């Protein structure tokens, strides 16, 4: 059955699988218990490897088209969620952050992959601009999740963390516009 497929179709199936697997593992991160954190971490590793594979395929940092941009946004959200879960003890954001990451990965599948990068997009300034741009949106997304935690009765700590995270996001966003 797979032998009847063209190389392009096989590549498309590999792309779909390489994003659906981390999305499923991220969603499994909502389970209770220690194993849920392991599933989420394995999803982050596989997602990171997918981004590295796309970088190898494109021949540079894969941040020049919609599919890769949305995937990187989901990855930055996952990294920031993991940080807040482990370092800040804000486990309450799981209910909003994990579905947001999983949905972003599924949304990335809606856009076709483009395996070429324009030469003007291969400059270090462009990479710095795009990296900080999507990282700032990651901070703003986590800030929105923290706001939801506060509205659900998370207390003053959640509100303070939300404002601090939003300030980091706006600062990075401003820097990305200057870069």
Foldseek 3Di string as FASTA:
>chain_A
DVVPDDPVVVVLVVLVVLLLQLLVLLVCLLDDDPVSVVSNVVSLVSLVVSQVVLCVQLVHRPQADQLSLLSVLLSLLSVVVVCCVPPVVCPQLSVPSSNVSSVSSVVSSVDDDDNYDDPVCRDPLNVLLSVLQSNLVSLLSSLVSLVVCVVVPVDPVSVVSSVVSNVSSVVSNVVSVVD
